[in-house]
Amino acid sequence: MLIGYARVSTTGQDLETQRGILENEGCKKLFVEKVTGTNTKQRAQLYEAIEFAREGDTLVVTKIDRLARSINKIVHELAEKGVNVRFVKEDMKFDRSNEGISLQTLLFNILGSFAQFERDLIVERTTEGRERAKRQGKDMGRPGQDEKTLKRAIKLYNERETNGMSVNDIVKTTGVPRSTLYAKIKYYKLGEIFM
C-alpha cells in the first residue's frame, strides 16, 4: 500500500499542493499536519503514519525535507518494519530489498545534511535581514492602529448596548482587528482611560 505523508511548517504554506502530488502518486491513505520540522516529538501524524505502515508498504513523501531533519532515524525505523520510503521530488527510494543499502544510507545522510544546511541558511539570512531593518529604524511588526481609530473602536465597544453594534460591526467599521480590540480593552480596563 502507498501511504502519503505531507507537512507544512506555517499557516502560509500550502498543504493542498502536497496532497495533490501524493494522490497523483497513488497514495491510498494520507497523513497530513502543520508543524515545524525541527522537532519530531510534536509530529503526531508522522508517528501515526509510521504506526499504520505494514511490511511491504511504501511511505511516499513529496520532498526529503518534509519528512524531518532526523531522516536517517525515521527511514531506518521504517526499514526495520519492512516499509520502503520514497521521495517524489528527489526521485529516490529507500528499499531494504535493494542491493547497496550502504550507498542509500550515505545518500540519505548527505541529502538530510543539505536540507538542514539549507534551513540553517534561511534562518541566518532572515535573522540578518531583521537585524539590518531594525538598525535602519524599520518597524518589523504588523502595522499598528493609530490612536484615534483605537479610541473610536473602544468607544463603540463601550457604547454597543446603545448603538446596537456587534463586535463584528465595530471591526468592519473601524478596521481594528478583533484581537487588537480585545487586547486594548483589557489593557485599558474596558475603556476607563478613553471614556
N, C-alpha and C. Protein backbone atom coordinates (compact mmCIF):
# COMPACT_ATOMS: atom_id res chain seq x y z
N MET A 1 0.84 -1.19 0.00
CA MET A 1 0.00 0.00 0.00
C MET A 1 0.88 1.25 0.00
N LEU A 2 0.47 2.26 -0.75
CA LEU A 2 1.18 3.53 -0.76
C LEU A 2 0.54 4.46 0.26
N ILE A 3 1.34 4.95 1.19
CA ILE A 3 0.89 5.82 2.27
C ILE A 3 1.57 7.17 2.08
N GLY A 4 0.79 8.24 2.06
CA GLY A 4 1.35 9.57 1.86
C GLY A 4 1.52 10.33 3.16
N TYR A 5 2.60 11.09 3.25
CA TYR A 5 2.81 11.97 4.40
C TYR A 5 3.12 13.37 3.88
N ALA A 6 2.33 14.36 4.35
CA ALA A 6 2.52 15.75 3.94
C ALA A 6 2.67 16.61 5.18
N ARG A 7 3.54 17.63 5.09
CA ARG A 7 3.74 18.53 6.22
C ARG A 7 4.11 19.91 5.73
N VAL A 8 3.53 20.92 6.40
CA VAL A 8 3.98 22.30 6.22
C VAL A 8 4.30 22.86 7.59
N SER A 9 5.18 23.87 7.62
CA SER A 9 5.62 24.45 8.88
C SER A 9 4.76 25.61 9.33
N THR A 10 4.21 26.36 8.37
CA THR A 10 3.48 27.57 8.73
C THR A 10 2.12 27.60 8.06
N THR A 11 1.27 28.47 8.58
CA THR A 11 -0.07 28.58 8.01
C THR A 11 -0.03 29.15 6.61
N GLY A 12 1.01 29.87 6.26
CA GLY A 12 1.12 30.45 4.93
C GLY A 12 1.47 29.44 3.86
N GLN A 13 1.96 28.28 4.25
CA GLN A 13 2.35 27.26 3.28
C GLN A 13 1.13 26.43 2.88
N ASP A 14 1.21 25.82 1.71
CA ASP A 14 0.06 25.15 1.11
C ASP A 14 0.17 23.63 1.20
N LEU A 15 -0.78 23.05 1.95
CA LEU A 15 -0.84 21.58 2.05
C LEU A 15 -1.49 20.96 0.82
N GLU A 16 -2.34 21.71 0.14
CA GLU A 16 -3.10 21.16 -0.98
C GLU A 16 -2.19 20.70 -2.12
N THR A 17 -1.10 21.42 -2.36
CA THR A 17 -0.15 21.02 -3.40
C THR A 17 0.44 19.65 -3.07
N GLN A 18 0.87 19.49 -1.82
CA GLN A 18 1.43 18.19 -1.41
C GLN A 18 0.38 17.09 -1.48
N ARG A 19 -0.84 17.38 -1.04
CA ARG A 19 -1.93 16.39 -1.13
C ARG A 19 -2.12 15.92 -2.57
N GLY A 20 -2.17 16.90 -3.48
CA GLY A 20 -2.37 16.58 -4.90
C GLY A 20 -1.27 15.69 -5.45
N ILE A 21 -0.02 16.01 -5.10
CA ILE A 21 1.12 15.20 -5.57
C ILE A 21 0.99 13.77 -5.05
N LEU A 22 0.68 13.64 -3.75
CA LEU A 22 0.58 12.31 -3.14
C LEU A 22 -0.58 11.51 -3.73
N GLU A 23 -1.70 12.17 -3.99
CA GLU A 23 -2.83 11.47 -4.61
C GLU A 23 -2.49 11.04 -6.03
N ASN A 24 -1.78 11.90 -6.77
CA ASN A 24 -1.35 11.54 -8.14
C ASN A 24 -0.37 10.38 -8.14
N GLU A 25 0.39 10.24 -7.07
CA GLU A 25 1.34 9.13 -6.95
C GLU A 25 0.64 7.82 -6.60
N GLY A 26 -0.66 7.90 -6.27
CA GLY A 26 -1.43 6.69 -5.98
C GLY A 26 -1.57 6.36 -4.51
N CYS A 27 -1.29 7.30 -3.63
CA CYS A 27 -1.41 7.04 -2.18
C CYS A 27 -2.88 6.82 -1.80
N LYS A 28 -3.12 5.76 -1.06
CA LYS A 28 -4.48 5.41 -0.64
C LYS A 28 -4.83 5.99 0.72
N LYS A 29 -3.81 6.27 1.53
CA LYS A 29 -4.01 6.81 2.88
C LYS A 29 -3.05 7.98 3.04
N LEU A 30 -3.58 9.13 3.53
CA LEU A 30 -2.75 10.31 3.73
C LEU A 30 -2.69 10.70 5.20
N PHE A 31 -1.52 11.12 5.63
CA PHE A 31 -1.30 11.69 6.96
C PHE A 31 -0.77 13.10 6.73
N VAL A 32 -1.47 14.09 7.27
CA VAL A 32 -1.18 15.49 6.96
C VAL A 32 -1.10 16.29 8.25
N GLU A 33 -0.11 17.21 8.34
CA GLU A 33 -0.02 18.05 9.54
C GLU A 33 0.69 19.36 9.25
N LYS A 34 0.40 20.35 10.12
CA LYS A 34 1.07 21.65 10.10
C LYS A 34 1.88 21.75 11.37
N VAL A 35 3.18 21.53 11.24
CA VAL A 35 4.07 21.57 12.40
C VAL A 35 5.50 21.73 11.89
N THR A 36 6.33 22.37 12.66
CA THR A 36 7.72 22.59 12.25
C THR A 36 8.48 21.27 12.12
N GLY A 37 9.45 21.26 11.24
CA GLY A 37 10.24 20.05 11.01
C GLY A 37 11.43 19.92 11.92
N THR A 38 11.69 20.92 12.76
CA THR A 38 12.88 20.87 13.60
C THR A 38 12.72 19.95 14.79
N ASN A 39 11.50 19.60 15.15
CA ASN A 39 11.26 18.76 16.31
C ASN A 39 10.26 17.67 15.95
N THR A 40 10.70 16.42 15.99
CA THR A 40 9.80 15.32 15.61
C THR A 40 8.88 14.91 16.75
N LYS A 41 9.12 15.39 17.97
CA LYS A 41 8.29 14.97 19.11
C LYS A 41 6.84 15.39 18.96
N GLN A 42 6.59 16.53 18.31
CA GLN A 42 5.23 17.05 18.18
C GLN A 42 4.55 16.58 16.90
N ARG A 43 5.16 15.69 16.16
CA ARG A 43 4.66 15.30 14.85
C ARG A 43 3.77 14.07 14.96
N ALA A 44 2.57 14.26 15.49
CA ALA A 44 1.64 13.16 15.74
C ALA A 44 1.30 12.39 14.46
N GLN A 45 1.04 13.10 13.36
CA GLN A 45 0.67 12.44 12.12
C GLN A 45 1.81 11.60 11.54
N LEU A 46 3.03 12.07 11.71
CA LEU A 46 4.18 11.28 11.26
C LEU A 46 4.23 9.96 12.01
N TYR A 47 4.06 10.02 13.32
CA TYR A 47 4.11 8.78 14.11
C TYR A 47 2.91 7.88 13.85
N GLU A 48 1.77 8.48 13.54
CA GLU A 48 0.61 7.66 13.15
C GLU A 48 0.89 6.95 11.82
N ALA A 49 1.53 7.66 10.88
CA ALA A 49 1.88 7.05 9.60
C ALA A 49 2.85 5.88 9.79
N ILE A 50 3.85 6.10 10.65
CA ILE A 50 4.82 5.03 10.93
C ILE A 50 4.12 3.84 11.57
N GLU A 51 3.24 4.12 12.51
CA GLU A 51 2.50 3.05 13.20
C GLU A 51 1.57 2.31 12.23
N PHE A 52 0.94 3.05 11.32
CA PHE A 52 -0.02 2.49 10.37
C PHE A 52 0.66 1.58 9.34
N ALA A 53 1.86 1.94 8.93
CA ALA A 53 2.56 1.23 7.85
C ALA A 53 2.86 -0.22 8.22
N ARG A 54 2.68 -1.10 7.26
CA ARG A 54 2.93 -2.52 7.44
C ARG A 54 4.00 -2.98 6.46
N GLU A 55 4.56 -4.15 6.72
CA GLU A 55 5.59 -4.70 5.86
C GLU A 55 5.11 -4.74 4.41
N GLY A 56 5.96 -4.25 3.50
CA GLY A 56 5.63 -4.21 2.09
C GLY A 56 5.04 -2.88 1.64
N ASP A 57 4.59 -2.04 2.60
CA ASP A 57 4.06 -0.71 2.27
C ASP A 57 5.19 0.23 1.88
N THR A 58 4.82 1.34 1.26
CA THR A 58 5.78 2.39 0.94
C THR A 58 5.23 3.72 1.45
N LEU A 59 6.03 4.42 2.24
CA LEU A 59 5.68 5.77 2.69
C LEU A 59 6.19 6.73 1.63
N VAL A 60 5.26 7.52 1.05
CA VAL A 60 5.61 8.46 -0.02
C VAL A 60 5.57 9.87 0.55
N VAL A 61 6.67 10.61 0.33
CA VAL A 61 6.80 11.98 0.83
C VAL A 61 7.18 12.85 -0.38
N THR A 62 6.60 14.06 -0.46
CA THR A 62 6.85 14.89 -1.65
C THR A 62 8.31 15.31 -1.77
N LYS A 63 8.92 15.72 -0.64
CA LYS A 63 10.32 16.15 -0.65
C LYS A 63 11.00 15.64 0.61
N ILE A 64 12.29 15.45 0.51
CA ILE A 64 13.06 14.88 1.63
C ILE A 64 12.95 15.74 2.89
N ASP A 65 12.89 17.07 2.75
CA ASP A 65 12.84 17.92 3.94
C ASP A 65 11.47 17.93 4.61
N ARG A 66 10.45 17.37 3.96
CA ARG A 66 9.12 17.29 4.57
C ARG A 66 9.07 16.20 5.62
N LEU A 67 9.95 15.21 5.50
CA LEU A 67 9.93 14.11 6.46
C LEU A 67 10.46 14.57 7.80
N ALA A 68 11.68 15.02 7.84
CA ALA A 68 12.23 15.51 9.12
C ALA A 68 13.70 15.76 8.96
N ARG A 69 14.25 16.47 9.92
CA ARG A 69 15.70 16.66 9.95
C ARG A 69 16.38 15.35 10.35
N SER A 70 15.70 14.55 11.16
CA SER A 70 16.27 13.27 11.61
C SER A 70 15.83 12.15 10.67
N ILE A 71 16.04 12.38 9.39
CA ILE A 71 15.55 11.47 8.35
C ILE A 71 16.11 10.06 8.49
N ASN A 72 17.39 9.95 8.81
CA ASN A 72 18.04 8.64 8.87
C ASN A 72 17.35 7.74 9.89
N LYS A 73 17.06 8.29 11.07
CA LYS A 73 16.41 7.52 12.13
C LYS A 73 15.04 7.01 11.69
N ILE A 74 14.27 7.90 11.05
CA ILE A 74 12.91 7.54 10.63
C ILE A 74 12.95 6.50 9.52
N VAL A 75 13.82 6.70 8.53
CA VAL A 75 13.93 5.76 7.42
C VAL A 75 14.34 4.38 7.93
N HIS A 76 15.29 4.33 8.88
CA HIS A 76 15.72 3.03 9.41
C HIS A 76 14.64 2.39 10.27
N GLU A 77 13.88 3.20 11.00
CA GLU A 77 12.77 2.65 11.79
C GLU A 77 11.74 2.00 10.86
N LEU A 78 11.45 2.66 9.75
CA LEU A 78 10.51 2.09 8.78
C LEU A 78 11.09 0.86 8.10
N ALA A 79 12.39 0.91 7.78
CA ALA A 79 13.05 -0.22 7.12
C ALA A 79 13.01 -1.46 8.00
N GLU A 80 13.16 -1.29 9.31
CA GLU A 80 13.09 -2.42 10.24
C GLU A 80 11.71 -3.08 10.22
N LYS A 81 10.67 -2.29 9.89
CA LYS A 81 9.31 -2.84 9.77
C LYS A 81 9.06 -3.42 8.39
N GLY A 82 10.06 -3.28 7.48
CA GLY A 82 9.88 -3.76 6.11
C GLY A 82 9.13 -2.76 5.24
N VAL A 83 9.15 -1.48 5.64
CA VAL A 83 8.45 -0.43 4.91
C VAL A 83 9.48 0.38 4.12
N ASN A 84 9.18 0.60 2.84
CA ASN A 84 10.04 1.41 1.97
C ASN A 84 9.66 2.88 2.12
N VAL A 85 10.58 3.76 1.76
CA VAL A 85 10.32 5.20 1.77
C VAL A 85 10.70 5.75 0.41
N ARG A 86 9.80 6.57 -0.16
CA ARG A 86 10.06 7.17 -1.47
C ARG A 86 9.85 8.67 -1.40
N PHE A 87 10.79 9.42 -2.00
CA PHE A 87 10.71 10.88 -2.07
C PHE A 87 10.45 11.26 -3.52
N VAL A 88 9.33 11.92 -3.77
CA VAL A 88 8.90 12.20 -5.14
C VAL A 88 9.84 13.18 -5.83
N LYS A 89 10.10 14.34 -5.23
CA LYS A 89 10.90 15.38 -5.90
C LYS A 89 12.32 14.88 -6.21
N GLU A 90 12.92 14.21 -5.24
CA GLU A 90 14.30 13.74 -5.43
C GLU A 90 14.36 12.44 -6.25
N ASP A 91 13.18 11.86 -6.52
CA ASP A 91 13.09 10.60 -7.26
C ASP A 91 13.99 9.53 -6.64
N MET A 92 13.86 9.41 -5.30
CA MET A 92 14.67 8.44 -4.56
C MET A 92 13.78 7.50 -3.78
N LYS A 93 14.24 6.28 -3.65
CA LYS A 93 13.51 5.29 -2.86
C LYS A 93 14.50 4.53 -1.99
N PHE A 94 14.18 4.44 -0.72
CA PHE A 94 14.98 3.63 0.19
C PHE A 94 14.25 2.31 0.34
N ASP A 95 14.86 1.26 -0.19
CA ASP A 95 14.22 -0.05 -0.24
C ASP A 95 15.18 -1.07 0.36
N ARG A 96 14.76 -1.69 1.47
CA ARG A 96 15.62 -2.66 2.17
C ARG A 96 15.93 -3.88 1.31
N SER A 97 15.08 -4.15 0.32
CA SER A 97 15.32 -5.34 -0.51
C SER A 97 16.37 -5.09 -1.59
N ASN A 98 16.68 -3.81 -1.82
CA ASN A 98 17.67 -3.48 -2.85
C ASN A 98 19.09 -3.77 -2.37
N GLU A 99 19.96 -3.99 -3.33
CA GLU A 99 21.39 -4.05 -3.03
C GLU A 99 21.87 -2.62 -2.81
N GLY A 100 22.96 -2.45 -2.14
CA GLY A 100 23.54 -1.12 -1.98
C GLY A 100 22.89 -0.30 -0.89
N ILE A 101 22.49 -0.96 0.19
CA ILE A 101 21.86 -0.24 1.30
C ILE A 101 22.83 0.77 1.90
N SER A 102 24.10 0.44 1.95
CA SER A 102 25.09 1.37 2.49
C SER A 102 25.15 2.65 1.66
N LEU A 103 25.10 2.51 0.33
CA LEU A 103 25.11 3.68 -0.54
C LEU A 103 23.84 4.51 -0.34
N GLN A 104 22.68 3.83 -0.21
CA GLN A 104 21.42 4.56 0.04
C GLN A 104 21.50 5.33 1.35
N THR A 105 22.04 4.70 2.38
CA THR A 105 22.18 5.36 3.68
C THR A 105 23.07 6.59 3.55
N LEU A 106 24.16 6.46 2.83
CA LEU A 106 25.06 7.59 2.60
C LEU A 106 24.32 8.72 1.88
N LEU A 107 23.58 8.40 0.83
CA LEU A 107 22.84 9.42 0.09
C LEU A 107 21.81 10.13 0.96
N PHE A 108 21.08 9.37 1.79
CA PHE A 108 20.10 9.98 2.68
C PHE A 108 20.77 10.88 3.69
N ASN A 109 21.90 10.45 4.21
CA ASN A 109 22.63 11.30 5.16
C ASN A 109 23.08 12.60 4.50
N ILE A 110 23.57 12.50 3.28
CA ILE A 110 24.02 13.69 2.56
C ILE A 110 22.83 14.61 2.27
N LEU A 111 21.74 14.05 1.75
CA LEU A 111 20.56 14.87 1.44
C LEU A 111 19.96 15.48 2.70
N GLY A 112 19.91 14.71 3.78
CA GLY A 112 19.41 15.24 5.05
C GLY A 112 20.28 16.38 5.55
N SER A 113 21.60 16.23 5.40
CA SER A 113 22.52 17.30 5.80
C SER A 113 22.32 18.55 4.96
N PHE A 114 22.11 18.37 3.65
CA PHE A 114 21.85 19.52 2.79
C PHE A 114 20.54 20.21 3.17
N ALA A 115 19.51 19.43 3.48
CA ALA A 115 18.22 20.02 3.89
C ALA A 115 18.40 20.84 5.16
N GLN A 116 19.16 20.31 6.12
CA GLN A 116 19.41 21.04 7.37
C GLN A 116 20.25 22.29 7.09
N PHE A 117 21.25 22.17 6.23
CA PHE A 117 22.10 23.31 5.87
C PHE A 117 21.26 24.42 5.22
N GLU A 118 20.38 24.02 4.30
CA GLU A 118 19.51 25.00 3.63
C GLU A 118 18.61 25.70 4.64
N ARG A 119 18.05 24.95 5.56
CA ARG A 119 17.20 25.53 6.61
C ARG A 119 18.00 26.51 7.47
N ASP A 120 19.20 26.11 7.87
CA ASP A 120 20.05 26.99 8.69
C ASP A 120 20.38 28.29 7.95
N LEU A 121 20.65 28.20 6.64
CA LEU A 121 20.93 29.40 5.85
C LEU A 121 19.72 30.33 5.80
N ILE A 122 18.55 29.77 5.63
CA ILE A 122 17.32 30.57 5.58
C ILE A 122 17.13 31.31 6.90
N VAL A 123 17.28 30.59 8.02
CA VAL A 123 17.13 31.22 9.34
C VAL A 123 18.18 32.31 9.53
N GLU A 124 19.41 32.03 9.15
CA GLU A 124 20.50 33.00 9.31
C GLU A 124 20.23 34.26 8.48
N ARG A 125 19.83 34.09 7.23
CA ARG A 125 19.56 35.25 6.37
C ARG A 125 18.36 36.04 6.86
N THR A 126 17.34 35.36 7.33
CA THR A 126 16.16 36.05 7.86
C THR A 126 16.52 36.86 9.09
N THR A 127 17.31 36.27 9.98
CA THR A 127 17.75 36.97 11.20
C THR A 127 18.59 38.19 10.84
N GLU A 128 19.52 38.02 9.90
CA GLU A 128 20.35 39.15 9.47
C GLU A 128 19.50 40.26 8.87
N GLY A 129 18.52 39.90 8.07
CA GLY A 129 17.64 40.88 7.45
C GLY A 129 16.83 41.65 8.48
N ARG A 130 16.32 40.95 9.48
CA ARG A 130 15.57 41.60 10.56
C ARG A 130 16.46 42.58 11.33
N GLU A 131 17.65 42.13 11.68
CA GLU A 131 18.58 42.98 12.44
C GLU A 131 18.96 44.22 11.63
N ARG A 132 19.19 44.05 10.34
CA ARG A 132 19.53 45.19 9.48
C ARG A 132 18.36 46.18 9.41
N ALA A 133 17.15 45.66 9.27
CA ALA A 133 15.96 46.52 9.21
C ALA A 133 15.76 47.27 10.52
N LYS A 134 16.00 46.59 11.65
CA LYS A 134 15.85 47.25 12.96
C LYS A 134 16.87 48.38 13.11
N ARG A 135 18.12 48.13 12.67
CA ARG A 135 19.17 49.16 12.74
C ARG A 135 18.80 50.38 11.89
N GLN A 136 18.06 50.13 10.81
CA GLN A 136 17.63 51.22 9.93
C GLN A 136 16.36 51.88 10.43
N GLY A 137 15.85 51.41 11.58
CA GLY A 137 14.68 52.02 12.19
C GLY A 137 13.36 51.56 11.61
N LYS A 138 13.36 50.46 10.86
CA LYS A 138 12.12 49.96 10.27
C LYS A 138 11.36 49.15 11.31
N ASP A 139 10.05 49.30 11.31
CA ASP A 139 9.18 48.56 12.23
C ASP A 139 8.96 47.17 11.67
N MET A 140 9.27 46.14 12.46
CA MET A 140 9.17 44.77 11.98
C MET A 140 7.83 44.10 12.28
N GLY A 141 6.99 44.75 13.06
CA GLY A 141 5.70 44.15 13.41
C GLY A 141 4.62 44.47 12.39
N ARG A 142 3.40 43.99 12.70
CA ARG A 142 2.27 44.34 11.86
C ARG A 142 2.03 45.84 11.98
N PRO A 143 1.49 46.44 10.92
CA PRO A 143 1.19 47.87 11.02
C PRO A 143 0.21 48.11 12.17
N GLY A 144 0.53 49.04 13.02
CA GLY A 144 -0.32 49.33 14.18
C GLY A 144 -1.49 50.22 13.81
N GLN A 145 -2.46 50.28 14.69
CA GLN A 145 -3.60 51.16 14.51
C GLN A 145 -3.27 52.51 15.12
N ASP A 146 -3.73 53.57 14.47
CA ASP A 146 -3.49 54.88 15.06
C ASP A 146 -4.37 55.04 16.30
N GLU A 147 -3.93 55.88 17.19
CA GLU A 147 -4.58 56.07 18.49
C GLU A 147 -6.03 56.52 18.33
N LYS A 148 -6.28 57.38 17.35
CA LYS A 148 -7.63 57.90 17.14
C LYS A 148 -8.60 56.77 16.76
N THR A 149 -8.17 55.88 15.87
CA THR A 149 -9.00 54.75 15.45
C THR A 149 -9.25 53.79 16.61
N LEU A 150 -8.20 53.54 17.41
CA LEU A 150 -8.36 52.67 18.58
C LEU A 150 -9.36 53.26 19.57
N LYS A 151 -9.24 54.55 19.82
CA LYS A 151 -10.16 55.21 20.76
C LYS A 151 -11.60 55.09 20.26
N ARG A 152 -11.78 55.29 18.95
CA ARG A 152 -13.13 55.18 18.37
C ARG A 152 -13.68 53.77 18.53
N ALA A 153 -12.84 52.76 18.25
CA ALA A 153 -13.28 51.36 18.36
C ALA A 153 -13.66 51.03 19.80
N ILE A 154 -12.86 51.46 20.76
CA ILE A 154 -13.14 51.17 22.17
C ILE A 154 -14.41 51.91 22.61
N LYS A 155 -14.58 53.13 22.12
CA LYS A 155 -15.79 53.91 22.46
C LYS A 155 -17.03 53.18 21.91
N LEU A 156 -16.96 52.74 20.67
CA LEU A 156 -18.08 51.99 20.07
C LEU A 156 -18.35 50.71 20.85
N TYR A 157 -17.29 50.05 21.29
CA TYR A 157 -17.44 48.83 22.07
C TYR A 157 -18.16 49.13 23.39
N ASN A 158 -17.72 50.19 24.08
CA ASN A 158 -18.32 50.55 25.37
C ASN A 158 -19.78 50.99 25.23
N GLU A 159 -20.13 51.50 24.06
CA GLU A 159 -21.49 52.00 23.83
C GLU A 159 -22.34 51.04 23.01
N ARG A 160 -21.91 49.79 22.88
CA ARG A 160 -22.61 48.86 21.98
C ARG A 160 -24.04 48.56 22.40
N GLU A 161 -24.36 48.70 23.68
CA GLU A 161 -25.76 48.48 24.10
C GLU A 161 -26.66 49.57 23.54
N THR A 162 -26.15 50.78 23.47
CA THR A 162 -26.97 51.89 22.95
C THR A 162 -26.85 52.03 21.44
N ASN A 163 -25.69 51.74 20.89
CA ASN A 163 -25.55 51.91 19.44
C ASN A 163 -25.94 50.66 18.65
N GLY A 164 -26.16 49.54 19.35
CA GLY A 164 -26.61 48.30 18.71
C GLY A 164 -25.56 47.62 17.84
N MET A 165 -24.30 47.99 17.97
CA MET A 165 -23.25 47.41 17.14
C MET A 165 -22.67 46.15 17.79
N SER A 166 -22.45 45.15 16.99
CA SER A 166 -21.76 43.95 17.46
C SER A 166 -20.27 44.16 17.33
N VAL A 167 -19.49 43.26 17.90
CA VAL A 167 -18.04 43.35 17.76
C VAL A 167 -17.66 43.26 16.28
N ASN A 168 -18.34 42.39 15.53
CA ASN A 168 -18.07 42.28 14.09
C ASN A 168 -18.31 43.61 13.38
N ASP A 169 -19.41 44.30 13.75
CA ASP A 169 -19.71 45.61 13.15
C ASP A 169 -18.59 46.60 13.45
N ILE A 170 -18.12 46.59 14.70
CA ILE A 170 -17.06 47.53 15.11
C ILE A 170 -15.78 47.25 14.34
N VAL A 171 -15.44 45.97 14.21
CA VAL A 171 -14.23 45.57 13.47
C VAL A 171 -14.33 46.02 12.01
N LYS A 172 -15.49 45.79 11.39
CA LYS A 172 -15.68 46.20 9.99
C LYS A 172 -15.65 47.71 9.83
N THR A 173 -16.28 48.41 10.76
CA THR A 173 -16.38 49.88 10.67
C THR A 173 -15.04 50.56 10.87
N THR A 174 -14.27 50.10 11.86
CA THR A 174 -13.03 50.79 12.22
C THR A 174 -11.79 50.20 11.57
N GLY A 175 -11.86 48.93 11.18
CA GLY A 175 -10.68 48.26 10.62
C GLY A 175 -9.71 47.77 11.69
N VAL A 176 -10.10 47.90 12.96
CA VAL A 176 -9.26 47.40 14.06
C VAL A 176 -9.51 45.90 14.19
N PRO A 177 -8.48 45.07 14.09
CA PRO A 177 -8.69 43.62 14.23
C PRO A 177 -9.29 43.26 15.59
N ARG A 178 -10.10 42.23 15.58
CA ARG A 178 -10.78 41.79 16.81
C ARG A 178 -9.78 41.54 17.95
N SER A 179 -8.67 40.87 17.64
CA SER A 179 -7.69 40.56 18.68
C SER A 179 -7.10 41.84 19.27
N THR A 180 -6.84 42.83 18.41
CA THR A 180 -6.31 44.11 18.89
C THR A 180 -7.33 44.82 19.76
N LEU A 181 -8.58 44.81 19.32
CA LEU A 181 -9.65 45.45 20.09
C LEU A 181 -9.74 44.85 21.49
N TYR A 182 -9.81 43.53 21.56
CA TYR A 182 -9.91 42.87 22.88
C TYR A 182 -8.67 43.12 23.74
N ALA A 183 -7.49 43.09 23.10
CA ALA A 183 -6.26 43.34 23.85
C ALA A 183 -6.25 44.75 24.42
N LYS A 184 -6.66 45.74 23.63
CA LYS A 184 -6.67 47.13 24.11
C LYS A 184 -7.74 47.34 25.19
N ILE A 185 -8.89 46.69 25.01
CA ILE A 185 -9.94 46.80 26.03
C ILE A 185 -9.44 46.25 27.36
N LYS A 186 -8.79 45.09 27.28
CA LYS A 186 -8.24 44.50 28.51
C LYS A 186 -7.17 45.42 29.09
N TYR A 187 -6.31 45.95 28.23
CA TYR A 187 -5.22 46.82 28.68
C TYR A 187 -5.76 48.09 29.33
N TYR A 188 -6.78 48.65 28.72
CA TYR A 188 -7.33 49.90 29.26
C TYR A 188 -8.50 49.67 30.23
N LYS A 189 -8.62 48.42 30.72
CA LYS A 189 -9.68 48.07 31.69
C LYS A 189 -11.05 48.55 31.21
N LEU A 190 -11.42 48.02 30.06
CA LEU A 190 -12.72 48.32 29.45
C LEU A 190 -12.93 49.80 29.23
N GLY A 191 -11.88 50.48 28.85
CA GLY A 191 -12.01 51.83 28.36
C GLY A 191 -12.03 52.91 29.42
N GLU A 192 -11.57 52.62 30.64
CA GLU A 192 -11.67 53.66 31.66
C GLU A 192 -10.82 54.88 31.31
N ILE A 193 -9.77 54.68 30.51
CA ILE A 193 -8.94 55.82 30.12
C ILE A 193 -9.63 56.62 29.01
N PHE A 194 -10.39 55.91 28.14
CA PHE A 194 -10.95 56.57 26.96
C PHE A 194 -12.38 57.04 27.15
N MET A 195 -12.97 56.87 28.29
CA MET A 195 -14.38 57.22 28.44
C MET A 195 -14.61 58.71 28.33
